[in-house]
Amino acid sequence: MVGAGVYTTSGFSLAMLQTPERVIAAWAVGGVIAICGAISYGALAGRFAQSGGEYLFLSRAVHPAAGYVAGFVSILAGFTGATAFAASALESYLPRWTWMESLPPGTVACLVIIIAAISHGVYARVGTPLQNAMVVTKFIMLGIFFVVAAASFPDRWEGLNVPSESAFEWSVFAVSLMWISLSYSGFNAAIYVASEVRNPQINVPRSLWIATLVVTLLYLLLNIVFVYAPARESIVGQKEIAVITAISIGGENFGSFIRAVIVVSLATSVSAMMMSGPRVYAKMADDGVLPQWFRFQRDTPSTAIALQALLAIAVVQVSTLQELLSYLGFTLSLSAALTVASIFLLRSKGKPIAVPFYPWPPLVFVVATVMVAGIAGFKQPVECVCGLVTLGVGLVIYYVTPRSRLGSSHGNDSVTD
């Protein structure tokens, strides 16, 4: 979860929302929505205890077409686009060494994607320990950041007690919340590897809500530092808000340290998506809606990993960070809302699915996600139209695909019955 979004979003959000308090409020609201989503996804994972994510849930609970569209969204946006976003952000945060000046833009981002693909595409026992080691390193480094931030409070926090007033606009808040939702979108990552988890009916739901709660608290603490420590004018509209903050509280050397933290964080994001995304394509191949060469070869879906790497490299070459932020936020929000809404459909058909505090978690997630996406669609129509086109193209491809390619397992929704 902790990747590109939290280190790049708040500068843009502050430019739109005008006050730090609104930025923090947006991150808090985003966290509540994500926790509701984690509880809801956990319930679905408890019933359908296999890898496959939204594709699996919607195919079994709603209709094969809905699952196919969700899988198509995963291929283009959920993993490919998000991988490209994290890799591009990683490149932007690297120091501009002299030898890098001669490289074409996107070269480092593409190299990171290739390394992640190789590490996960050969043997799972190679990629998984590497991923775990990077995550541990990331959180140790973030702990050091908080120690320095606390030590510099309040003497070096230039953004404290700076008056700021402006009219509140729900549409602007919705756009910022949509961007922020992308930072929380990894809350459901465990569902993509459920088949490879011990006792998935218990461990996957538990991992979802515990991790989402922890990351919500982490995001709030990070953004309190980001929007209050540096001078306001130095961070408004800036994508490198984390580095600017670090320099303001600890000097240039500490800024370089935080660049390293961010690079490690973004590398873990690229690695995590390269590990989880191809599991969806492998499940689609098992069901017969993608070619069989997407399936697992030994202990990894290596061909699917190679495809995702190639597509992510292509996206790196044709898009910018802010364009990707809006497109991914809108598209993934709709896919997630439809997935959680399938809980209501299952229960209306009398099919058992245990949801803690039902109906509030799925209801809050679906209503909030759809409202934010709808308001943001009016505010930033181009990227949102692209998201709707993605959904439409996936639906068209499903219906022009010969029926003989569809696996009979689409109708089986009794995995854990």
Protein backbone atom coordinates (compact mmCIF):
# COMPACT_ATOMS: atom_id res chain seq x y z
CA MET A 1 0.00 0.00 0.00
CA VAL A 2 2.68 2.50 0.97
CA GLY A 3 3.94 3.63 -2.40
CA ALA A 4 3.82 6.49 -4.87
CA GLY A 5 0.58 8.16 -3.81
CA VAL A 6 1.38 9.17 -0.25
CA TYR A 7 4.67 10.81 -1.32
CA THR A 8 3.24 12.76 -4.26
CA THR A 9 -0.46 13.49 -3.69
CA SER A 10 -0.68 16.03 -0.88
CA GLY A 11 1.11 18.81 -2.73
CA PHE A 12 -1.52 18.61 -5.46
CA SER A 13 -4.30 18.29 -2.86
CA LEU A 14 -3.09 21.34 -0.94
CA ALA A 15 -3.14 23.39 -4.14
CA MET A 16 -6.80 22.43 -4.65
CA LEU A 17 -8.11 22.34 -1.07
CA GLN A 18 -6.10 25.41 0.10
CA THR A 19 -5.84 24.43 3.79
CA PRO A 20 -3.83 21.70 5.56
CA GLU A 21 -6.85 20.80 7.68
CA ARG A 22 -8.82 19.82 4.59
CA VAL A 23 -5.95 17.75 3.27
CA ILE A 24 -5.75 15.81 6.55
CA ALA A 25 -9.55 15.44 6.54
CA ALA A 26 -9.40 13.98 3.02
CA TRP A 27 -6.80 11.42 4.10
CA ALA A 28 -8.92 10.50 7.14
CA VAL A 29 -12.07 10.07 5.04
CA GLY A 30 -10.10 8.02 2.52
CA GLY A 31 -8.88 5.79 5.35
CA VAL A 32 -12.39 5.17 6.68
CA ILE A 33 -13.57 4.25 3.19
CA ALA A 34 -10.59 1.94 2.70
CA ILE A 35 -11.21 0.18 6.05
CA CYS A 36 -14.84 -0.40 5.03
CA GLY A 37 -13.55 -1.78 1.74
CA ALA A 38 -11.06 -4.04 3.52
CA ILE A 39 -13.79 -5.52 5.73
CA SER A 40 -15.98 -6.08 2.67
CA TYR A 41 -13.23 -7.62 0.56
CA GLY A 42 -12.31 -9.81 3.52
CA ALA A 43 -15.85 -11.19 3.58
CA LEU A 44 -15.64 -12.01 -0.13
CA ALA A 45 -12.21 -13.59 0.35
CA GLY A 46 -13.63 -15.74 3.12
CA ARG A 47 -16.25 -17.11 0.76
CA PHE A 48 -14.15 -17.40 -2.42
CA ALA A 49 -10.80 -18.47 -0.99
CA GLN A 50 -8.84 -18.45 -4.24
CA SER A 51 -6.53 -16.06 -6.06
CA GLY A 52 -8.14 -13.90 -8.72
CA GLY A 53 -9.36 -10.78 -6.94
CA GLU A 54 -12.20 -8.77 -8.46
CA TYR A 55 -12.27 -11.07 -11.48
CA LEU A 56 -12.99 -14.11 -9.30
CA PHE A 57 -15.53 -12.37 -7.04
CA LEU A 58 -17.57 -10.78 -9.82
CA SER A 59 -17.49 -13.84 -12.07
CA ARG A 60 -18.88 -16.01 -9.28
CA ALA A 61 -21.21 -13.51 -7.60
CA VAL A 62 -22.58 -11.43 -10.50
CA HIS A 63 -21.88 -12.65 -14.05
CA PRO A 64 -18.87 -13.83 -16.09
CA ALA A 65 -19.04 -10.57 -18.08
CA ALA A 66 -18.63 -8.48 -14.91
CA GLY A 67 -15.66 -10.59 -13.89
CA TYR A 68 -14.08 -10.31 -17.31
CA VAL A 69 -14.39 -6.51 -17.28
CA ALA A 70 -12.82 -6.40 -13.80
CA GLY A 71 -9.98 -8.59 -15.04
CA PHE A 72 -9.55 -6.33 -18.06
CA VAL A 73 -9.40 -3.30 -15.75
CA SER A 74 -6.78 -5.10 -13.66
CA ILE A 75 -4.66 -5.73 -16.73
CA LEU A 76 -4.77 -2.15 -18.02
CA ALA A 77 -5.19 -0.05 -14.87
CA GLY A 78 -5.14 -1.98 -11.63
CA PHE A 79 -1.68 -3.39 -12.07
CA THR A 80 -0.18 -2.22 -15.35
CA GLY A 81 -1.03 1.45 -14.89
CA ALA A 82 -0.27 1.41 -11.18
CA THR A 83 3.08 -0.29 -11.82
CA ALA A 84 3.95 2.38 -14.37
CA PHE A 85 2.88 5.12 -11.92
CA ALA A 86 5.08 3.78 -9.12
CA ALA A 87 8.06 3.20 -11.42
CA SER A 88 7.77 6.69 -12.94
CA ALA A 89 7.52 8.27 -9.50
CA LEU A 90 10.59 6.30 -8.42
CA GLU A 91 12.58 7.72 -11.31
CA SER A 92 11.45 11.26 -10.51
CA TYR A 93 12.71 10.89 -6.93
CA LEU A 94 16.18 9.62 -7.81
CA PRO A 95 19.02 12.13 -7.51
CA ARG A 96 19.92 13.61 -10.89
CA TRP A 97 23.35 12.08 -11.25
CA THR A 98 25.43 13.29 -14.20
CA TRP A 99 25.33 9.96 -16.02
CA MET A 100 21.52 9.99 -15.91
CA GLU A 101 21.25 13.24 -17.85
CA SER A 102 21.96 11.48 -21.12
CA LEU A 103 19.31 8.79 -20.62
CA PRO A 104 15.89 9.14 -22.28
CA PRO A 105 13.02 9.85 -19.85
CA GLY A 106 11.55 6.65 -18.45
CA THR A 107 14.72 4.58 -18.78
CA VAL A 108 15.19 4.02 -15.05
CA ALA A 109 11.46 3.34 -14.55
CA CYS A 110 11.57 0.67 -17.25
CA LEU A 111 14.68 -0.89 -15.71
CA VAL A 112 12.97 -1.13 -12.31
CA ILE A 113 9.99 -2.87 -13.92
CA ILE A 114 12.27 -5.36 -15.66
CA ILE A 115 14.14 -6.18 -12.43
CA ALA A 116 10.84 -6.74 -10.58
CA ALA A 117 9.57 -8.97 -13.39
CA ILE A 118 12.71 -11.09 -13.33
CA SER A 119 12.72 -11.45 -9.52
CA HIS A 120 9.10 -12.68 -9.46
CA GLY A 121 9.09 -14.49 -12.77
CA VAL A 122 11.77 -17.07 -12.05
CA TYR A 123 10.90 -18.56 -8.64
CA ALA A 124 8.42 -17.36 -6.02
CA ARG A 125 10.96 -18.21 -3.32
CA VAL A 126 13.28 -15.59 -4.85
CA GLY A 127 10.81 -12.73 -5.28
CA THR A 128 8.89 -13.13 -2.03
CA PRO A 129 11.85 -12.84 0.43
CA LEU A 130 13.14 -9.86 -1.55
CA GLN A 131 9.74 -8.17 -1.28
CA ASN A 132 9.56 -8.84 2.48
CA ALA A 133 13.08 -7.49 3.05
CA MET A 134 12.30 -4.26 1.17
CA VAL A 135 9.09 -3.74 3.17
CA VAL A 136 10.92 -4.17 6.50
CA THR A 137 13.62 -1.74 5.33
CA LYS A 138 10.97 0.77 4.27
CA PHE A 139 9.28 0.83 7.68
CA ILE A 140 12.55 1.12 9.56
CA MET A 141 13.45 4.14 7.42
CA LEU A 142 10.00 5.69 7.94
CA GLY A 143 10.49 5.25 11.69
CA ILE A 144 13.69 7.32 11.46
CA PHE A 145 11.75 10.01 9.56
CA PHE A 146 9.20 10.28 12.37
CA VAL A 147 11.95 10.52 15.01
CA VAL A 148 13.58 13.45 13.20
CA ALA A 149 10.20 15.12 12.61
CA ALA A 150 9.32 14.85 16.29
CA ALA A 151 12.73 16.18 17.33
CA SER A 152 12.31 19.24 15.09
CA PHE A 153 8.84 20.08 16.46
CA PRO A 154 7.86 22.90 16.79
CA ASP A 155 10.98 24.98 16.13
CA ARG A 156 11.45 23.98 12.47
CA TRP A 157 7.79 23.50 11.54
CA GLU A 158 7.28 26.62 9.43
CA GLY A 159 3.76 25.72 8.33
CA LEU A 160 2.23 25.88 11.80
CA ASN A 161 -0.15 28.71 12.62
CA VAL A 162 -0.27 30.02 9.07
CA PRO A 163 -3.80 31.39 8.52
CA SER A 164 -5.55 30.21 5.39
CA GLU A 165 -9.16 30.70 4.40
CA SER A 166 -11.03 29.83 1.23
CA ALA A 167 -14.45 28.63 0.16
CA PHE A 168 -15.03 24.90 0.47
CA GLU A 169 -16.07 23.07 -2.71
CA TRP A 170 -17.31 19.50 -2.59
CA SER A 171 -16.24 18.86 -6.18
CA VAL A 172 -12.65 19.88 -5.40
CA PHE A 173 -12.67 17.74 -2.25
CA ALA A 174 -13.95 14.79 -4.31
CA VAL A 175 -11.11 15.07 -6.84
CA SER A 176 -8.53 15.15 -4.05
CA LEU A 177 -10.24 12.20 -2.37
CA MET A 178 -10.14 10.26 -5.63
CA TRP A 179 -6.38 10.87 -5.89
CA ILE A 180 -5.96 9.84 -2.25
CA SER A 181 -8.02 6.68 -2.83
CA LEU A 182 -5.25 5.49 -5.15
CA SER A 183 -2.84 5.56 -2.21
CA TYR A 184 -5.21 3.26 -0.31
CA SER A 185 -6.04 1.02 -3.27
CA GLY A 186 -3.50 -1.62 -2.28
CA PHE A 187 -5.65 -2.54 0.75
CA ASN A 188 -7.00 -5.52 -1.19
CA ALA A 189 -3.66 -6.92 -2.42
CA ALA A 190 -3.83 -10.08 -0.29
CA ILE A 191 -6.85 -11.37 -2.24
CA TYR A 192 -4.71 -11.78 -5.36
CA VAL A 193 -2.50 -14.42 -3.73
CA ALA A 194 -5.17 -16.13 -1.60
CA SER A 195 -4.53 -19.55 -3.15
CA GLU A 196 -0.95 -19.40 -1.91
CA VAL A 197 -1.82 -18.37 1.68
CA ARG A 198 -2.17 -20.83 4.54
CA ASN A 199 -5.73 -20.94 5.92
CA PRO A 200 -6.93 -18.15 3.56
CA GLN A 201 -10.48 -17.93 4.97
CA ILE A 202 -8.99 -16.54 8.20
CA ASN A 203 -5.61 -15.07 7.28
CA VAL A 204 -6.62 -13.09 4.18
CA PRO A 205 -9.53 -11.16 5.80
CA ARG A 206 -7.44 -10.54 8.91
CA SER A 207 -4.49 -9.23 6.91
CA LEU A 208 -6.77 -6.89 4.96
CA TRP A 209 -8.33 -4.98 7.83
CA ILE A 210 -5.30 -4.96 10.15
CA ALA A 211 -2.97 -3.68 7.42
CA THR A 212 -5.46 -1.06 6.25
CA LEU A 213 -5.93 0.28 9.78
CA VAL A 214 -2.17 0.47 10.36
CA VAL A 215 -1.53 2.18 7.02
CA THR A 216 -4.36 4.68 7.62
CA LEU A 217 -2.69 5.77 10.86
CA LEU A 218 0.69 5.91 9.10
CA TYR A 219 -0.73 8.07 6.29
CA LEU A 220 -2.30 10.50 8.73
CA LEU A 221 0.97 10.91 10.64
CA LEU A 222 2.98 11.33 7.44
CA ASN A 223 0.64 13.95 6.03
CA ILE A 224 0.49 15.91 9.27
CA VAL A 225 4.25 16.33 8.89
CA PHE A 226 4.04 16.98 5.13
CA VAL A 227 1.50 19.82 5.31
CA TYR A 228 2.52 21.47 8.59
CA ALA A 229 6.32 21.20 8.76
CA PRO A 230 7.50 23.02 5.59
CA ALA A 231 6.62 26.54 4.54
CA ARG A 232 3.22 26.48 2.81
CA GLU A 233 4.40 28.17 -0.40
CA SER A 234 7.18 25.61 -0.87
CA ILE A 235 4.86 22.60 -1.17
CA VAL A 236 1.68 23.83 -2.87
CA GLY A 237 1.29 21.96 -6.17
CA GLN A 238 4.64 20.19 -5.77
CA LYS A 239 4.96 16.44 -6.40
CA GLU A 240 8.13 16.11 -4.26
CA ILE A 241 6.37 17.18 -1.07
CA ALA A 242 8.06 14.48 1.04
CA VAL A 243 11.59 15.57 0.07
CA ILE A 244 10.77 19.25 0.53
CA THR A 245 9.44 18.42 3.99
CA ALA A 246 12.55 16.43 4.91
CA ILE A 247 14.86 19.25 3.87
CA SER A 248 12.86 21.77 5.89
CA ILE A 249 13.11 19.75 9.12
CA GLY A 250 16.51 18.08 8.73
CA GLY A 251 18.54 19.76 6.01
CA GLU A 252 19.81 18.57 2.63
CA ASN A 253 21.35 15.36 3.92
CA PHE A 254 18.08 14.32 5.52
CA GLY A 255 16.35 15.18 2.25
CA SER A 256 18.65 12.72 0.49
CA PHE A 257 17.81 10.09 3.12
CA ILE A 258 14.08 10.55 2.49
CA ARG A 259 14.66 10.21 -1.23
CA ALA A 260 16.13 6.81 -0.41
CA VAL A 261 13.08 5.95 1.73
CA ILE A 262 10.77 6.86 -1.12
CA VAL A 263 12.78 4.94 -3.69
CA VAL A 264 12.63 1.81 -1.49
CA SER A 265 8.88 2.34 -0.93
CA LEU A 266 8.21 2.70 -4.63
CA ALA A 267 10.36 -0.31 -5.43
CA THR A 268 8.25 -2.39 -3.03
CA SER A 269 5.10 -1.15 -4.78
CA VAL A 270 6.40 -2.13 -8.22
CA SER A 271 7.47 -5.50 -6.82
CA ALA A 272 4.14 -6.13 -5.05
CA MET A 273 2.11 -5.38 -8.17
CA MET A 274 4.38 -7.53 -10.29
CA MET A 275 3.78 -10.35 -7.82
CA SER A 276 -0.01 -10.00 -7.40
CA GLY A 277 -1.34 -8.81 -10.76
CA PRO A 278 -0.30 -11.79 -12.89
CA ARG A 279 -2.13 -14.09 -10.43
CA VAL A 280 -5.36 -12.54 -11.73
CA TYR A 281 -4.42 -13.27 -15.34
CA ALA A 282 -3.48 -16.82 -14.36
CA LYS A 283 -6.91 -17.32 -12.78
CA MET A 284 -8.58 -15.96 -15.93
CA ALA A 285 -6.55 -18.45 -17.96
CA ASP A 286 -7.66 -21.27 -15.65
CA ASP A 287 -11.27 -20.27 -16.42
CA GLY A 288 -10.56 -20.22 -20.16
CA VAL A 289 -11.04 -16.49 -20.82
CA LEU A 290 -7.35 -15.86 -21.45
CA PRO A 291 -4.90 -18.08 -23.34
CA GLN A 292 -3.52 -21.03 -21.40
CA TRP A 293 0.03 -19.69 -21.51
CA PHE A 294 -1.00 -17.16 -18.84
CA ARG A 295 -1.26 -19.99 -16.30
CA PHE A 296 1.39 -20.91 -13.73
CA GLN A 297 4.63 -22.40 -15.00
CA ARG A 298 6.02 -24.24 -11.99
CA ASP A 299 5.49 -21.84 -9.05
CA THR A 300 5.03 -18.53 -10.92
CA PRO A 301 2.83 -17.25 -13.79
CA SER A 302 5.98 -16.16 -15.64
CA THR A 303 4.33 -15.38 -19.00
CA ALA A 304 1.69 -13.21 -17.33
CA ILE A 305 4.45 -11.39 -15.45
CA ALA A 306 6.30 -10.75 -18.71
CA LEU A 307 3.13 -9.32 -20.31
CA GLN A 308 2.46 -6.99 -17.39
CA ALA A 309 6.06 -5.77 -17.52
CA LEU A 310 5.82 -5.01 -21.25
CA LEU A 311 2.50 -3.17 -20.87
CA ALA A 312 3.79 -1.15 -17.89
CA ILE A 313 6.86 -0.13 -19.88
CA ALA A 314 4.58 1.07 -22.69
CA VAL A 315 2.50 3.14 -20.24
CA VAL A 316 5.65 4.73 -18.79
CA GLN A 317 6.48 6.05 -22.25
CA VAL A 318 3.12 7.67 -23.04
CA SER A 319 1.72 9.24 -19.83
CA THR A 320 2.46 11.69 -17.01
CA LEU A 321 2.13 11.19 -13.24
CA GLN A 322 -0.88 13.48 -12.78
CA GLU A 323 -2.75 11.99 -15.77
CA LEU A 324 -2.18 8.50 -14.36
CA LEU A 325 -3.29 9.64 -10.90
CA SER A 326 -6.73 10.76 -12.12
CA TYR A 327 -7.27 7.89 -14.57
CA LEU A 328 -6.27 5.17 -12.11
CA GLY A 329 -8.21 6.68 -9.22
CA PHE A 330 -11.45 6.84 -11.22
CA THR A 331 -11.18 3.47 -12.97
CA LEU A 332 -10.14 1.45 -9.93
CA SER A 333 -12.80 3.12 -7.77
CA LEU A 334 -15.60 1.94 -10.06
CA SER A 335 -14.22 -1.60 -10.23
CA ALA A 336 -13.89 -1.80 -6.44
CA ALA A 337 -17.39 -0.38 -5.87
CA LEU A 338 -18.94 -2.98 -8.18
CA THR A 339 -17.01 -5.74 -6.42
CA VAL A 340 -18.19 -4.74 -2.94
CA ALA A 341 -21.76 -4.25 -4.22
CA SER A 342 -21.79 -7.95 -5.14
CA ILE A 343 -22.13 -8.67 -1.40
CA PHE A 344 -25.68 -7.29 -1.50
CA LEU A 345 -26.48 -9.44 -4.53
CA LEU A 346 -25.17 -12.59 -2.84
CA ARG A 347 -27.19 -11.96 0.30
CA SER A 348 -30.33 -11.15 -1.70
CA LYS A 349 -30.03 -14.60 -3.29
CA GLY A 350 -29.82 -16.21 0.14
CA LYS A 351 -26.16 -17.19 -0.28
CA PRO A 352 -24.26 -16.99 3.01
CA ILE A 353 -21.51 -14.42 3.35
CA ALA A 354 -20.44 -13.14 6.77
CA VAL A 355 -19.73 -9.39 6.86
CA PRO A 356 -18.82 -7.81 10.22
CA PHE A 357 -21.19 -4.93 11.13
CA TYR A 358 -23.31 -5.60 8.02
CA PRO A 359 -24.59 -3.60 6.13
CA TRP A 360 -22.48 -0.60 7.08
CA PRO A 361 -19.01 -1.43 5.69
CA PRO A 362 -20.15 -2.36 2.15
CA LEU A 363 -22.80 0.38 2.12
CA VAL A 364 -20.37 3.11 3.18
CA PHE A 365 -17.74 1.91 0.70
CA VAL A 366 -20.06 1.68 -2.30
CA VAL A 367 -21.94 4.94 -1.72
CA ALA A 368 -18.82 6.98 -0.90
CA THR A 369 -16.79 5.53 -3.77
CA VAL A 370 -19.50 6.08 -6.39
CA MET A 371 -20.23 9.62 -5.17
CA VAL A 372 -16.56 10.62 -5.22
CA ALA A 373 -16.02 9.08 -8.66
CA GLY A 374 -19.14 10.78 -10.03
CA ILE A 375 -18.25 14.25 -8.72
CA ALA A 376 -14.65 13.87 -9.86
CA GLY A 377 -15.86 12.79 -13.30
CA PHE A 378 -17.50 16.17 -13.79
CA LYS A 379 -14.43 17.99 -12.53
CA GLN A 380 -11.87 16.07 -14.63
CA PRO A 381 -13.85 14.58 -17.54
CA VAL A 382 -11.00 13.54 -19.86
CA GLU A 383 -9.32 11.02 -17.56
CA CYS A 384 -12.69 9.77 -16.33
CA VAL A 385 -13.96 9.24 -19.88
CA CYS A 386 -10.82 7.19 -20.48
CA GLY A 387 -11.75 5.10 -17.45
CA LEU A 388 -15.29 4.51 -18.76
CA VAL A 389 -13.87 3.61 -22.17
CA THR A 390 -11.64 1.04 -20.48
CA LEU A 391 -14.70 -0.58 -18.88
CA GLY A 392 -16.63 -0.46 -22.16
CA VAL A 393 -13.82 -1.98 -24.21
CA GLY A 394 -13.50 -4.82 -21.71
CA LEU A 395 -17.24 -5.53 -22.02
CA VAL A 396 -17.10 -5.49 -25.83
CA ILE A 397 -14.13 -7.86 -25.89
CA TYR A 398 -15.99 -10.26 -23.60
CA TYR A 399 -19.04 -10.42 -25.87
CA VAL A 400 -17.05 -10.85 -29.08
CA THR A 401 -14.99 -13.65 -27.51
CA PRO A 402 -16.20 -17.08 -28.72
CA ARG A 403 -18.27 -18.75 -26.03
CA SER A 404 -16.26 -21.94 -26.37
CA ARG A 405 -13.33 -20.21 -24.68
CA LEU A 406 -15.23 -19.61 -21.46
CA GLY A 407 -14.54 -22.10 -18.73
CA SER A 408 -17.38 -23.94 -17.06
CA SER A 409 -16.12 -22.87 -13.62
CA HIS A 410 -17.66 -19.42 -14.08
CA GLY A 411 -20.89 -20.63 -12.67
CA ASN A 412 -19.40 -22.20 -9.59
CA ASP A 413 -19.88 -19.87 -6.66
CA SER A 414 -19.63 -22.48 -3.96
CA VAL A 415 -15.90 -22.57 -3.43
CA THR A 416 -16.22 -22.61 0.35
CA ASP A 417 -19.76 -23.94 0.75
